[in-house]
Amino acid sequence: MTPKILRALEIYKPVRQSILEKRSRTEEAALFISQKQGKRLTRRAMELIIETIANEAGVKANNQKVTPHKLTHTCATVLYNDGEGADLLAIADLLGHADPKTATIYTKVNIEKCEK
């Protein structure tokens, strides 16, 4: 969690609380909720939000849609290639991989980079 993310969450928390109070859903445990219902955002809702933001920004992933999976992969690749002290075990744990070997996919980008 970076300081910028922590600041954004501090700004978001009162907004979230206001939505929950308006929707009488003060017991909702999810951090990210819908404005309309005050319920946990669904996987599809997150996909649509990311897709909309990427489209508005003119961002594409290898000429394809930006998806939550592609963002996760990009984040892990950046952590491995450019992160300070980010090792594969930490990245595997962060991403919830049951087998740390799964995270070795992020080393491929670094190897390809070295070969160029």
PDB file of N, CA and C in Angstrom:
ATOM      1  N   MET A   1       0.851  -1.175   0.000  1.00  0.00           N
ATOM      2  CA  MET A   1       0.000   0.000   0.000  1.00  0.00           C
ATOM      3  C   MET A   1       0.894   1.236   0.000  1.00  0.00           C
ATOM      4  N   THR A   2       0.751   2.019  -1.013  1.00  0.00           N
ATOM      5  CA  THR A   2       1.553   3.235  -1.104  1.00  0.00           C
ATOM      6  C   THR A   2       0.855   4.370  -0.364  1.00  0.00           C
ATOM      7  N   PRO A   3       1.586   5.428  -0.020  1.00  0.00           N
ATOM      8  CA  PRO A   3       0.946   6.583   0.629  1.00  0.00           C
ATOM      9  C   PRO A   3      -0.194   7.169  -0.215  1.00  0.00           C
ATOM     10  N   LYS A   4      -0.030   7.160  -1.530  1.00  0.00           N
ATOM     11  CA  LYS A   4      -1.078   7.694  -2.408  1.00  0.00           C
ATOM     12  C   LYS A   4      -2.363   6.858  -2.309  1.00  0.00           C
ATOM     13  N   ILE A   5      -2.211   5.551  -2.272  1.00  0.00           N
ATOM     14  CA  ILE A   5      -3.373   4.661  -2.137  1.00  0.00           C
ATOM     15  C   ILE A   5      -4.038   4.868  -0.783  1.00  0.00           C
ATOM     16  N   LEU A   6      -3.238   4.974   0.260  1.00  0.00           N
ATOM     17  CA  LEU A   6      -3.792   5.194   1.600  1.00  0.00           C
ATOM     18  C   LEU A   6      -4.560   6.507   1.679  1.00  0.00           C
ATOM     19  N   ARG A   7      -4.038   7.559   1.045  1.00  0.00           N
ATOM     20  CA  ARG A   7      -4.763   8.852   1.018  1.00  0.00           C
ATOM     21  C   ARG A   7      -6.086   8.712   0.265  1.00  0.00           C
ATOM     22  N   ALA A   8      -6.054   8.015  -0.865  1.00  0.00           N
ATOM     23  CA  ALA A   8      -7.276   7.824  -1.656  1.00  0.00           C
ATOM     24  C   ALA A   8      -8.319   7.049  -0.849  1.00  0.00           C
ATOM     25  N   LEU A   9      -7.883   6.044  -0.117  1.00  0.00           N
ATOM     26  CA  LEU A   9      -8.821   5.275   0.709  1.00  0.00           C
ATOM     27  C   LEU A   9      -9.404   6.120   1.831  1.00  0.00           C
ATOM     28  N   GLU A  10      -8.605   6.999   2.402  1.00  0.00           N
ATOM     29  CA  GLU A  10      -9.097   7.881   3.461  1.00  0.00           C
ATOM     30  C   GLU A  10     -10.165   8.836   2.911  1.00  0.00           C
ATOM     31  N   ILE A  11     -10.014   9.268   1.683  1.00  0.00           N
ATOM     32  CA  ILE A  11     -11.018  10.126   1.031  1.00  0.00           C
ATOM     33  C   ILE A  11     -12.268   9.319   0.711  1.00  0.00           C
ATOM     34  N   TYR A  12     -12.079   8.069   0.286  1.00  0.00           N
ATOM     35  CA  TYR A  12     -13.187   7.207  -0.120  1.00  0.00           C
ATOM     36  C   TYR A  12     -14.044   6.735   1.049  1.00  0.00           C
ATOM     37  N   LYS A  13     -13.437   6.473   2.198  1.00  0.00           N
ATOM     38  CA  LYS A  13     -14.173   5.877   3.319  1.00  0.00           C
ATOM     39  C   LYS A  13     -15.420   6.669   3.732  1.00  0.00           C
ATOM     40  N   PRO A  14     -15.386   7.994   3.861  1.00  0.00           N
ATOM     41  CA  PRO A  14     -16.621   8.720   4.203  1.00  0.00           C
ATOM     42  C   PRO A  14     -17.678   8.645   3.088  1.00  0.00           C
ATOM     43  N   VAL A  15     -17.220   8.599   1.838  1.00  0.00           N
ATOM     44  CA  VAL A  15     -18.151   8.463   0.710  1.00  0.00           C
ATOM     45  C   VAL A  15     -18.850   7.110   0.804  1.00  0.00           C
ATOM     46  N   ARG A  16     -18.072   6.073   1.056  1.00  0.00           N
ATOM     47  CA  ARG A  16     -18.618   4.720   1.216  1.00  0.00           C
ATOM     48  C   ARG A  16     -19.633   4.695   2.352  1.00  0.00           C
ATOM     49  N   GLN A  17     -19.273   5.291   3.482  1.00  0.00           N
ATOM     50  CA  GLN A  17     -20.160   5.309   4.646  1.00  0.00           C
ATOM     51  C   GLN A  17     -21.472   6.015   4.332  1.00  0.00           C
ATOM     52  N   SER A  18     -21.393   7.109   3.601  1.00  0.00           N
ATOM     53  CA  SER A  18     -22.594   7.857   3.215  1.00  0.00           C
ATOM     54  C   SER A  18     -23.511   7.002   2.337  1.00  0.00           C
ATOM     55  N   ILE A  19     -22.926   6.289   1.389  1.00  0.00           N
ATOM     56  CA  ILE A  19     -23.715   5.412   0.509  1.00  0.00           C
ATOM     57  C   ILE A  19     -24.401   4.329   1.338  1.00  0.00           C
ATOM     58  N   LEU A  20     -23.655   3.724   2.249  1.00  0.00           N
ATOM     59  CA  LEU A  20     -24.218   2.652   3.073  1.00  0.00           C
ATOM     60  C   LEU A  20     -25.361   3.174   3.943  1.00  0.00           C
ATOM     61  N   GLU A  21     -25.215   4.354   4.499  1.00  0.00           N
ATOM     62  CA  GLU A  21     -26.279   4.928   5.329  1.00  0.00           C
ATOM     63  C   GLU A  21     -27.521   5.229   4.500  1.00  0.00           C
ATOM     64  N   LYS A  22     -27.340   5.774   3.297  1.00  0.00           N
ATOM     65  CA  LYS A  22     -28.481   6.065   2.417  1.00  0.00           C
ATOM     66  C   LYS A  22     -29.222   4.797   2.017  1.00  0.00           C
ATOM     67  N   ARG A  23     -28.487   3.701   1.867  1.00  0.00           N
ATOM     68  CA  ARG A  23     -29.080   2.423   1.423  1.00  0.00           C
ATOM     69  C   ARG A  23     -29.446   1.512   2.587  1.00  0.00           C
ATOM     70  N   SER A  24     -29.285   1.999   3.815  1.00  0.00           N
ATOM     71  CA  SER A  24     -29.566   1.198   5.018  1.00  0.00           C
ATOM     72  C   SER A  24     -28.818  -0.130   4.985  1.00  0.00           C
ATOM     73  N   ARG A  25     -27.547  -0.065   4.644  1.00  0.00           N
ATOM     74  CA  ARG A  25     -26.719  -1.274   4.538  1.00  0.00           C
ATOM     75  C   ARG A  25     -25.447  -1.109   5.368  1.00  0.00           C
ATOM     76  N   THR A  26     -25.569  -0.549   6.538  1.00  0.00           N
ATOM     77  CA  THR A  26     -24.399  -0.238   7.352  1.00  0.00           C
ATOM     78  C   THR A  26     -23.603  -1.465   7.781  1.00  0.00           C
ATOM     79  N   GLU A  27     -24.141  -2.648   7.600  1.00  0.00           N
ATOM     80  CA  GLU A  27     -23.426  -3.871   7.971  1.00  0.00           C
ATOM     81  C   GLU A  27     -22.581  -4.437   6.830  1.00  0.00           C
ATOM     82  N   GLU A  28     -22.609  -3.809   5.662  1.00  0.00           N
ATOM     83  CA  GLU A  28     -21.850  -4.304   4.503  1.00  0.00           C
ATOM     84  C   GLU A  28     -20.357  -4.302   4.823  1.00  0.00           C
ATOM     85  N   ALA A  29     -19.718  -5.457   4.645  1.00  0.00           N
ATOM     86  CA  ALA A  29     -18.302  -5.596   4.986  1.00  0.00           C
ATOM     87  C   ALA A  29     -17.366  -5.251   3.831  1.00  0.00           C
ATOM     88  N   ALA A  30     -17.871  -5.308   2.604  1.00  0.00           N
ATOM     89  CA  ALA A  30     -17.011  -5.072   1.439  1.00  0.00           C
ATOM     90  C   ALA A  30     -16.502  -3.632   1.423  1.00  0.00           C
ATOM     91  N   LEU A  31     -15.261  -3.479   1.035  1.00  0.00           N
ATOM     92  CA  LEU A  31     -14.682  -2.135   0.949  1.00  0.00           C
ATOM     93  C   LEU A  31     -15.242  -1.390  -0.253  1.00  0.00           C
ATOM     94  N   PHE A  32     -15.264  -2.043  -1.400  1.00  0.00           N
ATOM     95  CA  PHE A  32     -15.739  -1.386  -2.615  1.00  0.00           C
ATOM     96  C   PHE A  32     -17.179  -1.804  -2.888  1.00  0.00           C
ATOM     97  N   ILE A  33     -18.045  -0.814  -2.959  1.00  0.00           N
ATOM     98  CA  ILE A  33     -19.487  -1.058  -3.074  1.00  0.00           C
ATOM     99  C   ILE A  33     -20.071  -0.266  -4.238  1.00  0.00           C
ATOM    100  N   SER A  34     -21.250  -0.675  -4.661  1.00  0.00           N
ATOM    101  CA  SER A  34     -21.942   0.052  -5.728  1.00  0.00           C
ATOM    102  C   SER A  34     -22.653   1.263  -5.131  1.00  0.00           C
ATOM    103  N   GLN A  35     -22.735   2.311  -5.916  1.00  0.00           N
ATOM    104  CA  GLN A  35     -23.449   3.505  -5.457  1.00  0.00           C
ATOM    105  C   GLN A  35     -24.955   3.267  -5.426  1.00  0.00           C
ATOM    106  N   LYS A  36     -25.462   2.505  -6.386  1.00  0.00           N
ATOM    107  CA  LYS A  36     -26.905   2.290  -6.488  1.00  0.00           C
ATOM    108  C   LYS A  36     -27.478   1.460  -5.353  1.00  0.00           C
ATOM    109  N   GLN A  37     -26.788   0.366  -4.992  1.00  0.00           N
ATOM    110  CA  GLN A  37     -27.352  -0.552  -4.009  1.00  0.00           C
ATOM    111  C   GLN A  37     -26.578  -0.618  -2.702  1.00  0.00           C
ATOM    112  N   GLY A  38     -25.356  -0.115  -2.703  1.00  0.00           N
ATOM    113  CA  GLY A  38     -24.547  -0.194  -1.492  1.00  0.00           C
ATOM    114  C   GLY A  38     -24.095  -1.613  -1.189  1.00  0.00           C
ATOM    115  N   LYS A  39     -24.037  -2.440  -2.223  1.00  0.00           N
ATOM    116  CA  LYS A  39     -23.598  -3.829  -2.061  1.00  0.00           C
ATOM    117  C   LYS A  39     -22.206  -4.001  -2.666  1.00  0.00           C
ATOM    118  N   ARG A  40     -21.566  -5.091  -2.260  1.00  0.00           N
ATOM    119  CA  ARG A  40     -20.248  -5.443  -2.796  1.00  0.00           C
ATOM    120  C   ARG A  40     -20.268  -5.389  -4.319  1.00  0.00           C
ATOM    121  N   LEU A  41     -19.225  -4.799  -4.912  1.00  0.00           N
ATOM    122  CA  LEU A  41     -19.124  -4.788  -6.364  1.00  0.00           C
ATOM    123  C   LEU A  41     -18.904  -6.212  -6.862  1.00  0.00           C
ATOM    124  N   THR A  42     -19.599  -6.556  -7.911  1.00  0.00           N
ATOM    125  CA  THR A  42     -19.425  -7.885  -8.502  1.00  0.00           C
ATOM    126  C   THR A  42     -18.182  -7.884  -9.379  1.00  0.00           C
ATOM    127  N   ARG A  43     -17.747  -9.077  -9.721  1.00  0.00           N
ATOM    128  CA  ARG A  43     -16.596  -9.212 -10.629  1.00  0.00           C
ATOM    129  C   ARG A  43     -16.886  -8.498 -11.951  1.00  0.00           C
ATOM    130  N   ARG A  44     -18.098  -8.654 -12.452  1.00  0.00           N
ATOM    131  CA  ARG A  44     -18.454  -8.030 -13.740  1.00  0.00           C
ATOM    132  C   ARG A  44     -18.479  -6.511 -13.611  1.00  0.00           C
ATOM    133  N   ALA A  45     -18.963  -5.992 -12.490  1.00  0.00           N
ATOM    134  CA  ALA A  45     -18.982  -4.545 -12.285  1.00  0.00           C
ATOM    135  C   ALA A  45     -17.566  -3.988 -12.308  1.00  0.00           C
ATOM    136  N   MET A  46     -16.630  -4.692 -11.670  1.00  0.00           N
ATOM    137  CA  MET A  46     -15.231  -4.264 -11.682  1.00  0.00           C
ATOM    138  C   MET A  46     -14.673  -4.291 -13.098  1.00  0.00           C
ATOM    139  N   GLU A  47     -15.004  -5.326 -13.856  1.00  0.00           N
ATOM    140  CA  GLU A  47     -14.550  -5.407 -15.244  1.00  0.00           C
ATOM    141  C   GLU A  47     -15.047  -4.221 -16.047  1.00  0.00           C
ATOM    142  N   LEU A  48     -16.312  -3.868 -15.877  1.00  0.00           N
ATOM    143  CA  LEU A  48     -16.891  -2.743 -16.615  1.00  0.00           C
ATOM    144  C   LEU A  48     -16.265  -1.411 -16.204  1.00  0.00           C
ATOM    145  N   ILE A  49     -16.007  -1.233 -14.922  1.00  0.00           N
ATOM    146  CA  ILE A  49     -15.371  -0.001 -14.446  1.00  0.00           C
ATOM    147  C   ILE A  49     -13.975   0.136 -15.060  1.00  0.00           C
ATOM    148  N   ILE A  50     -13.197  -0.931 -15.020  1.00  0.00           N
ATOM    149  CA  ILE A  50     -11.845  -0.900 -15.571  1.00  0.00           C
ATOM    150  C   ILE A  50     -11.882  -0.672 -17.074  1.00  0.00           C
ATOM    151  N   GLU A  51     -12.795  -1.343 -17.754  1.00  0.00           N
ATOM    152  CA  GLU A  51     -12.932  -1.194 -19.201  1.00  0.00           C
ATOM    153  C   GLU A  51     -13.298   0.246 -19.566  1.00  0.00           C
ATOM    154  N   THR A  52     -14.222   0.835 -18.824  1.00  0.00           N
ATOM    155  CA  THR A  52     -14.650   2.217 -19.089  1.00  0.00           C
ATOM    156  C   THR A  52     -13.500   3.199 -18.890  1.00  0.00           C
ATOM    157  N   ILE A  53     -12.785   3.057 -17.780  1.00  0.00           N
ATOM    158  CA  ILE A  53     -11.658   3.955 -17.504  1.00  0.00           C
ATOM    159  C   ILE A  53     -10.581   3.816 -18.575  1.00  0.00           C
ATOM    160  N   ALA A  54     -10.269   2.582 -18.950  1.00  0.00           N
ATOM    161  CA  ALA A  54      -9.244   2.350 -19.978  1.00  0.00           C
ATOM    162  C   ALA A  54      -9.675   2.949 -21.312  1.00  0.00           C
ATOM    163  N   ASN A  55     -10.938   2.760 -21.689  1.00  0.00           N
ATOM    164  CA  ASN A  55     -11.437   3.321 -22.943  1.00  0.00           C
ATOM    165  C   ASN A  55     -11.373   4.845 -22.943  1.00  0.00           C
ATOM    166  N   GLU A  56     -11.797   5.458 -21.834  1.00  0.00           N
ATOM    167  CA  GLU A  56     -11.765   6.918 -21.737  1.00  0.00           C
ATOM    168  C   GLU A  56     -10.334   7.455 -21.803  1.00  0.00           C
ATOM    169  N   ALA A  57      -9.388   6.680 -21.296  1.00  0.00           N
ATOM    170  CA  ALA A  57      -7.978   7.092 -21.301  1.00  0.00           C
ATOM    171  C   ALA A  57      -7.272   6.691 -22.599  1.00  0.00           C
ATOM    172  N   GLY A  58      -7.955   5.908 -23.433  1.00  0.00           N
ATOM    173  CA  GLY A  58      -7.354   5.452 -24.677  1.00  0.00           C
ATOM    174  C   GLY A  58      -6.278   4.399 -24.467  1.00  0.00           C
ATOM    175  N   VAL A  59      -6.395   3.642 -23.390  1.00  0.00           N
ATOM    176  CA  VAL A  59      -5.396   2.621 -23.056  1.00  0.00           C
ATOM    177  C   VAL A  59      -5.880   1.258 -23.545  1.00  0.00           C
ATOM    178  N   LYS A  60      -4.967   0.529 -24.182  1.00  0.00           N
ATOM    179  CA  LYS A  60      -5.262  -0.842 -24.593  1.00  0.00           C
ATOM    180  C   LYS A  60      -4.101  -1.719 -24.172  1.00  0.00           C
ATOM    181  N   ALA A  61      -4.383  -2.996 -23.960  1.00  0.00           N
ATOM    182  CA  ALA A  61      -3.350  -3.960 -23.602  1.00  0.00           C
ATOM    183  C   ALA A  61      -3.061  -4.810 -24.829  1.00  0.00           C
ATOM    184  N   ASN A  62      -1.953  -4.527 -25.494  1.00  0.00           N
ATOM    185  CA  ASN A  62      -1.606  -5.248 -26.723  1.00  0.00           C
ATOM    186  C   ASN A  62      -2.768  -5.235 -27.716  1.00  0.00           C
ATOM    187  N   ASN A  63      -3.346  -4.056 -27.900  1.00  0.00           N
ATOM    188  CA  ASN A  63      -4.481  -3.848 -28.809  1.00  0.00           C
ATOM    189  C   ASN A  63      -5.724  -4.630 -28.420  1.00  0.00           C
ATOM    190  N   GLN A  64      -5.827  -5.004 -27.160  1.00  0.00           N
ATOM    191  CA  GLN A  64      -7.014  -5.689 -26.655  1.00  0.00           C
ATOM    192  C   GLN A  64      -7.561  -4.909 -25.468  1.00  0.00           C
ATOM    193  N   LYS A  65      -8.712  -5.369 -24.972  1.00  0.00           N
ATOM    194  CA  LYS A  65      -9.317  -4.740 -23.794  1.00  0.00           C
ATOM    195  C   LYS A  65      -8.405  -4.862 -22.588  1.00  0.00           C
ATOM    196  N   VAL A  66      -8.489  -3.852 -21.722  1.00  0.00           N
ATOM    197  CA  VAL A  66      -7.817  -3.927 -20.430  1.00  0.00           C
ATOM    198  C   VAL A  66      -8.775  -4.642 -19.487  1.00  0.00           C
ATOM    199  N   THR A  67      -8.274  -5.669 -18.826  1.00  0.00           N
ATOM    200  CA  THR A  67      -9.093  -6.465 -17.916  1.00  0.00           C
ATOM    201  C   THR A  67      -8.444  -6.487 -16.535  1.00  0.00           C
ATOM    202  N   PRO A  68      -9.208  -6.857 -15.503  1.00  0.00           N
ATOM    203  CA  PRO A  68      -8.603  -6.985 -14.172  1.00  0.00           C
ATOM    204  C   PRO A  68      -7.423  -7.960 -14.179  1.00  0.00           C
ATOM    205  N   HIS A  69      -7.542  -9.053 -14.921  1.00  0.00           N
ATOM    206  CA  HIS A  69      -6.455 -10.026 -14.982  1.00  0.00           C
ATOM    207  C   HIS A  69      -5.196  -9.405 -15.592  1.00  0.00           C
ATOM    208  N   LYS A  70      -5.370  -8.638 -16.659  1.00  0.00           N
ATOM    209  CA  LYS A  70      -4.208  -8.000 -17.291  1.00  0.00           C
ATOM    210  C   LYS A  70      -3.577  -6.968 -16.367  1.00  0.00           C
ATOM    211  N   LEU A  71      -4.398  -6.253 -15.607  1.00  0.00           N
ATOM    212  CA  LEU A  71      -3.845  -5.299 -14.638  1.00  0.00           C
ATOM    213  C   LEU A  71      -3.065  -6.024 -13.551  1.00  0.00           C
ATOM    214  N   THR A  72      -3.584  -7.146 -13.086  1.00  0.00           N
ATOM    215  CA  THR A  72      -2.900  -7.937 -12.066  1.00  0.00           C
ATOM    216  C   THR A  72      -1.564  -8.445 -12.599  1.00  0.00           C
ATOM    217  N   HIS A  73      -1.584  -8.951 -13.815  1.00  0.00           N
ATOM    218  CA  HIS A  73      -0.363  -9.469 -14.435  1.00  0.00           C
ATOM    219  C   HIS A  73       0.662  -8.343 -14.603  1.00  0.00           C
ATOM    220  N   THR A  74       0.208  -7.199 -15.047  1.00  0.00           N
ATOM    221  CA  THR A  74       1.102  -6.054 -15.232  1.00  0.00           C
ATOM    222  C   THR A  74       1.704  -5.607 -13.907  1.00  0.00           C
ATOM    223  N   CYS A  75       0.875  -5.536 -12.882  1.00  0.00           N
ATOM    224  CA  CYS A  75       1.348  -5.132 -11.565  1.00  0.00           C
ATOM    225  C   CYS A  75       2.418  -6.098 -11.064  1.00  0.00           C
ATOM    226  N   ALA A  76       2.173  -7.379 -11.188  1.00  0.00           N
ATOM    227  CA  ALA A  76       3.128  -8.373 -10.724  1.00  0.00           C
ATOM    228  C   ALA A  76       4.422  -8.308 -11.530  1.00  0.00           C
ATOM    229  N   THR A  77       4.305  -8.097 -12.830  1.00  0.00           N
ATOM    230  CA  THR A  77       5.489  -7.986 -13.679  1.00  0.00           C
ATOM    231  C   THR A  77       6.322  -6.774 -13.294  1.00  0.00           C
ATOM    232  N   VAL A  78       5.663  -5.656 -13.061  1.00  0.00           N
ATOM    233  CA  VAL A  78       6.375  -4.441 -12.647  1.00  0.00           C
ATOM    234  C   VAL A  78       7.034  -4.646 -11.288  1.00  0.00           C
ATOM    235  N   LEU A  79       6.311  -5.271 -10.365  1.00  0.00           N
ATOM    236  CA  LEU A  79       6.894  -5.544  -9.049  1.00  0.00           C
ATOM    237  C   LEU A  79       8.154  -6.396  -9.174  1.00  0.00           C
ATOM    238  N   TYR A  80       8.101  -7.399 -10.033  1.00  0.00           N
ATOM    239  CA  TYR A  80       9.251  -8.285 -10.178  1.00  0.00           C
ATOM    240  C   TYR A  80      10.394  -7.595 -10.907  1.00  0.00           C
ATOM    241  N   ASN A  81      10.091  -6.915 -12.002  1.00  0.00           N
ATOM    242  CA  ASN A  81      11.141  -6.321 -12.832  1.00  0.00           C
ATOM    243  C   ASN A  81      11.688  -5.014 -12.282  1.00  0.00           C
ATOM    244  N   ASP A  82      10.818  -4.202 -11.700  1.00  0.00           N
ATOM    245  CA  ASP A  82      11.230  -2.867 -11.280  1.00  0.00           C
ATOM    246  C   ASP A  82      11.118  -2.638  -9.781  1.00  0.00           C
ATOM    247  N   GLY A  83      10.445  -3.548  -9.083  1.00  0.00           N
ATOM    248  CA  GLY A  83      10.227  -3.362  -7.656  1.00  0.00           C
ATOM    249  C   GLY A  83      11.495  -3.563  -6.847  1.00  0.00           C
ATOM    250  N   GLU A  84      11.573  -2.871  -5.766  1.00  0.00           N
ATOM    251  CA  GLU A  84      12.728  -3.023  -4.889  1.00  0.00           C
ATOM    252  C   GLU A  84      12.396  -4.082  -3.838  1.00  0.00           C
ATOM    253  N   GLY A  85      13.080  -5.192  -3.898  1.00  0.00           N
ATOM    254  CA  GLY A  85      12.887  -6.232  -2.899  1.00  0.00           C
ATOM    255  C   GLY A  85      11.673  -7.115  -3.112  1.00  0.00           C
ATOM    256  N   ALA A  86      10.997  -6.993  -4.243  1.00  0.00           N
ATOM    257  CA  ALA A  86       9.828  -7.839  -4.506  1.00  0.00           C
ATOM    258  C   ALA A  86      10.309  -9.173  -5.068  1.00  0.00           C
ATOM    259  N   ASP A  87      10.245 -10.213  -4.260  1.00  0.00           N
ATOM    260  CA  ASP A  87      10.668 -11.519  -4.746  1.00  0.00           C
ATOM    261  C   ASP A  87       9.458 -12.331  -5.180  1.00  0.00           C
ATOM    262  N   LEU A  88       9.727 -13.442  -5.840  1.00  0.00           N
ATOM    263  CA  LEU A  88       8.638 -14.258  -6.385  1.00  0.00           C
ATOM    264  C   LEU A  88       7.712 -14.814  -5.317  1.00  0.00           C
ATOM    265  N   LEU A  89       8.245 -15.186  -4.174  1.00  0.00           N
ATOM    266  CA  LEU A  89       7.386 -15.705  -3.107  1.00  0.00           C
ATOM    267  C   LEU A  89       6.426 -14.637  -2.610  1.00  0.00           C
ATOM    268  N   ALA A  90       6.914 -13.414  -2.462  1.00  0.00           N
ATOM    269  CA  ALA A  90       6.051 -12.319  -2.016  1.00  0.00           C
ATOM    270  C   ALA A  90       4.989 -12.011  -3.057  1.00  0.00           C
ATOM    271  N   ILE A  91       5.386 -12.010  -4.319  1.00  0.00           N
ATOM    272  CA  ILE A  91       4.424 -11.739  -5.397  1.00  0.00           C
ATOM    273  C   ILE A  91       3.376 -12.846  -5.460  1.00  0.00           C
ATOM    274  N   ALA A  92       3.803 -14.101  -5.350  1.00  0.00           N
ATOM    275  CA  ALA A  92       2.859 -15.231  -5.365  1.00  0.00           C
ATOM    276  C   ALA A  92       1.867 -15.103  -4.220  1.00  0.00           C
ATOM    277  N   ASP A  93       2.361 -14.731  -3.050  1.00  0.00           N
ATOM    278  CA  ASP A  93       1.495 -14.561  -1.878  1.00  0.00           C
ATOM    279  C   ASP A  93       0.521 -13.406  -2.093  1.00  0.00           C
ATOM    280  N   LEU A  94       1.018 -12.302  -2.604  1.00  0.00           N
ATOM    281  CA  LEU A  94       0.185 -11.127  -2.864  1.00  0.00           C
ATOM    282  C   LEU A  94      -0.955 -11.441  -3.832  1.00  0.00           C
ATOM    283  N   LEU A  95      -0.650 -12.242  -4.845  1.00  0.00           N
ATOM    284  CA  LEU A  95      -1.645 -12.576  -5.864  1.00  0.00           C
ATOM    285  C   LEU A  95      -2.527 -13.757  -5.474  1.00  0.00           C
ATOM    286  N   GLY A  96      -2.205 -14.387  -4.347  1.00  0.00           N
ATOM    287  CA  GLY A  96      -3.022 -15.500  -3.886  1.00  0.00           C
ATOM    288  C   GLY A  96      -2.761 -16.802  -4.604  1.00  0.00           C
ATOM    289  N   HIS A  97      -1.578 -16.945  -5.207  1.00  0.00           N
ATOM    290  CA  HIS A  97      -1.233 -18.204  -5.870  1.00  0.00           C
ATOM    291  C   HIS A  97      -0.973 -19.277  -4.820  1.00  0.00           C
ATOM    292  N   ALA A  98      -1.615 -20.414  -4.983  1.00  0.00           N
ATOM    293  CA  ALA A  98      -1.409 -21.520  -4.049  1.00  0.00           C
ATOM    294  C   ALA A  98      -0.004 -22.099  -4.203  1.00  0.00           C
ATOM    295  N   ASP A  99       0.476 -22.120  -5.435  1.00  0.00           N
ATOM    296  CA  ASP A  99       1.805 -22.649  -5.718  1.00  0.00           C
ATOM    297  C   ASP A  99       2.712 -21.506  -6.164  1.00  0.00           C
ATOM    298  N   PRO A 100       3.778 -21.209  -5.426  1.00  0.00           N
ATOM    299  CA  PRO A 100       4.676 -20.113  -5.800  1.00  0.00           C
ATOM    300  C   PRO A 100       5.270 -20.256  -7.200  1.00  0.00           C
ATOM    301  N   LYS A 101       5.328 -21.502  -7.708  1.00  0.00           N
ATOM    302  CA  LYS A 101       5.861 -21.710  -9.059  1.00  0.00           C
ATOM    303  C   LYS A 101       5.026 -20.982 -10.106  1.00  0.00           C
ATOM    304  N   THR A 102       3.743 -20.762  -9.804  1.00  0.00           N
ATOM    305  CA  THR A 102       2.863 -20.062 -10.734  1.00  0.00           C
ATOM    306  C   THR A 102       3.384 -18.662 -11.025  1.00  0.00           C
ATOM    307  N   ALA A 103       4.023 -18.048 -10.060  1.00  0.00           N
ATOM    308  CA  ALA A 103       4.520 -16.673 -10.219  1.00  0.00           C
ATOM    309  C   ALA A 103       5.734 -16.597 -11.137  1.00  0.00           C
ATOM    310  N   THR A 104       6.310 -17.732 -11.513  1.00  0.00           N
ATOM    311  CA  THR A 104       7.494 -17.684 -12.379  1.00  0.00           C
ATOM    312  C   THR A 104       7.188 -17.109 -13.755  1.00  0.00           C
ATOM    313  N   ILE A 105       5.911 -17.007 -14.117  1.00  0.00           N
ATOM    314  CA  ILE A 105       5.547 -16.396 -15.404  1.00  0.00           C
ATOM    315  C   ILE A 105       6.076 -14.961 -15.483  1.00  0.00           C
ATOM    316  N   TYR A 106       6.206 -14.296 -14.335  1.00  0.00           N
ATOM    317  CA  TYR A 106       6.648 -12.906 -14.332  1.00  0.00           C
ATOM    318  C   TYR A 106       8.145 -12.780 -14.577  1.00  0.00           C
ATOM    319  N   THR A 107       8.880 -13.875 -14.464  1.00  0.00           N
ATOM    320  CA  THR A 107      10.314 -13.831 -14.754  1.00  0.00           C
ATOM    321  C   THR A 107      10.556 -13.856 -16.253  1.00  0.00           C
ATOM    322  N   LYS A 108       9.600 -14.372 -16.996  1.00  0.00           N
ATOM    323  CA  LYS A 108       9.749 -14.493 -18.450  1.00  0.00           C
ATOM    324  C   LYS A 108       9.967 -13.130 -19.080  1.00  0.00           C
ATOM    325  N   VAL A 109       9.225 -12.134 -18.640  1.00  0.00           N
ATOM    326  CA  VAL A 109       9.347 -10.792 -19.206  1.00  0.00           C
ATOM    327  C   VAL A 109      10.750 -10.258 -18.974  1.00  0.00           C
ATOM    328  N   ASN A 110      11.302 -10.495 -17.787  1.00  0.00           N
ATOM    329  CA  ASN A 110      12.633 -10.018 -17.461  1.00  0.00           C
ATOM    330  C   ASN A 110      13.694 -10.716 -18.317  1.00  0.00           C
ATOM    331  N   ILE A 111      13.527 -12.019 -18.557  1.00  0.00           N
ATOM    332  CA  ILE A 111      14.463 -12.771 -19.384  1.00  0.00           C
ATOM    333  C   ILE A 111      14.418 -12.241 -20.811  1.00  0.00           C
ATOM    334  N   GLU A 112      13.203 -12.010 -21.332  1.00  0.00           N
ATOM    335  CA  GLU A 112      13.057 -11.481 -22.690  1.00  0.00           C
ATOM    336  C   GLU A 112      13.703 -10.097 -22.792  1.00  0.00           C
ATOM    337  N   LYS A 113      13.563  -9.306 -21.770  1.00  0.00           N
ATOM    338  CA  LYS A 113      14.150  -7.962 -21.718  1.00  0.00           C
ATOM    339  C   LYS A 113      15.677  -8.048 -21.792  1.00  0.00           C
ATOM    340  N   CYS A 114      16.241  -8.996 -21.064  1.00  0.00           N
ATOM    341  CA  CYS A 114      17.695  -9.175 -21.045  1.00  0.00           C
ATOM    342  C   CYS A 114      18.220  -9.644 -22.399  1.00  0.00           C
ATOM    343  N   GLU A 115      17.437 -10.476 -23.077  1.00  0.00           N
ATOM    344  CA  GLU A 115      17.868 -11.009 -24.375  1.00  0.00           C
ATOM    345  C   GLU A 115      17.925  -9.934 -25.448  1.00  0.00           C
ATOM    346  N   LYS A 116      17.126  -8.879 -25.292  1.00  0.00           N
ATOM    347  CA  LYS A 116      17.119  -7.786 -26.277  1.00  0.00           C
ATOM    348  C   LYS A 116      18.345  -6.957 -26.040  1.00  0.00           C
TER     349      LYS A 116
END
